[in-house]
Amino acid sequence: MTINKNVEKVLWMFSVMFITYLLVGSFIVSRNILDIVYLVILYTTIIIIKFANRS
């Protein structure tokens, strides 16, 4: 059970890092402000879900 949870956490972190990398790279190339907005929405959603699961 513990190994599965660790693998899930690592995969989740890698997927968030990859999405962040893609959105930042897209912003640098295209200078489209929507990419930063998507990134803010992504991290806001992650933070809200983390706090909601704690309670």
Protein backbone atom coordinates (compact mmCIF):
# COMPACT_ATOMS: atom_id res chain seq x y z
CA MET A 1 0.00 0.00 0.00
CA THR A 2 2.74 2.47 0.90
CA ILE A 3 4.63 1.91 -2.34
CA ASN A 4 1.46 2.56 -4.36
CA LYS A 5 0.83 5.85 -2.54
CA ASN A 6 4.44 6.93 -3.08
CA VAL A 7 4.22 6.10 -6.78
CA GLU A 8 0.96 8.03 -7.05
CA LYS A 9 2.54 11.08 -5.39
CA VAL A 10 5.59 10.96 -7.64
CA LEU A 11 3.48 10.59 -10.79
CA TRP A 12 1.26 13.45 -9.67
CA MET A 13 4.27 15.70 -9.04
CA PHE A 14 5.83 14.82 -12.41
CA SER A 15 2.59 15.48 -14.25
CA VAL A 16 2.13 18.88 -12.58
CA MET A 17 5.76 19.77 -13.29
CA PHE A 18 5.36 18.72 -16.94
CA ILE A 19 2.19 20.77 -17.39
CA THR A 20 3.93 23.74 -15.77
CA TYR A 21 6.91 23.31 -18.09
CA LEU A 22 4.64 23.21 -21.14
CA LEU A 23 2.61 26.27 -20.13
CA VAL A 24 5.66 28.36 -19.24
CA GLY A 25 7.39 27.32 -22.46
CA SER A 26 4.31 28.17 -24.47
CA PHE A 27 4.12 31.57 -22.78
CA ILE A 28 7.77 32.31 -23.54
CA VAL A 29 7.37 31.38 -27.20
CA SER A 30 4.00 32.97 -27.95
CA ARG A 31 3.75 35.70 -25.27
CA ASN A 32 0.11 34.71 -24.85
CA ILE A 33 -1.15 35.81 -21.44
CA LEU A 34 -3.76 33.03 -21.42
CA ASP A 35 -0.99 30.49 -20.77
CA ILE A 36 -0.17 32.22 -17.48
CA VAL A 37 -3.88 32.40 -16.63
CA TYR A 38 -4.17 28.64 -17.21
CA LEU A 39 -1.16 28.09 -14.96
CA VAL A 40 -2.68 30.20 -12.19
CA ILE A 41 -5.98 28.34 -12.52
CA LEU A 42 -4.14 24.99 -12.35
CA TYR A 43 -2.26 25.87 -9.17
CA THR A 44 -5.29 27.51 -7.57
CA THR A 45 -7.33 24.37 -8.20
CA ILE A 46 -4.60 22.16 -6.75
CA ILE A 47 -4.34 24.31 -3.61
CA ILE A 48 -8.12 24.42 -3.10
CA ILE A 49 -8.40 20.64 -3.49
CA LYS A 50 -5.54 20.05 -1.04
CA PHE A 51 -7.16 22.27 1.61
CA ALA A 52 -10.59 20.73 1.02
CA ASN A 53 -9.21 17.21 1.52
CA ARG A 54 -7.55 18.16 4.82
CA SER A 55 -10.80 19.08 6.49
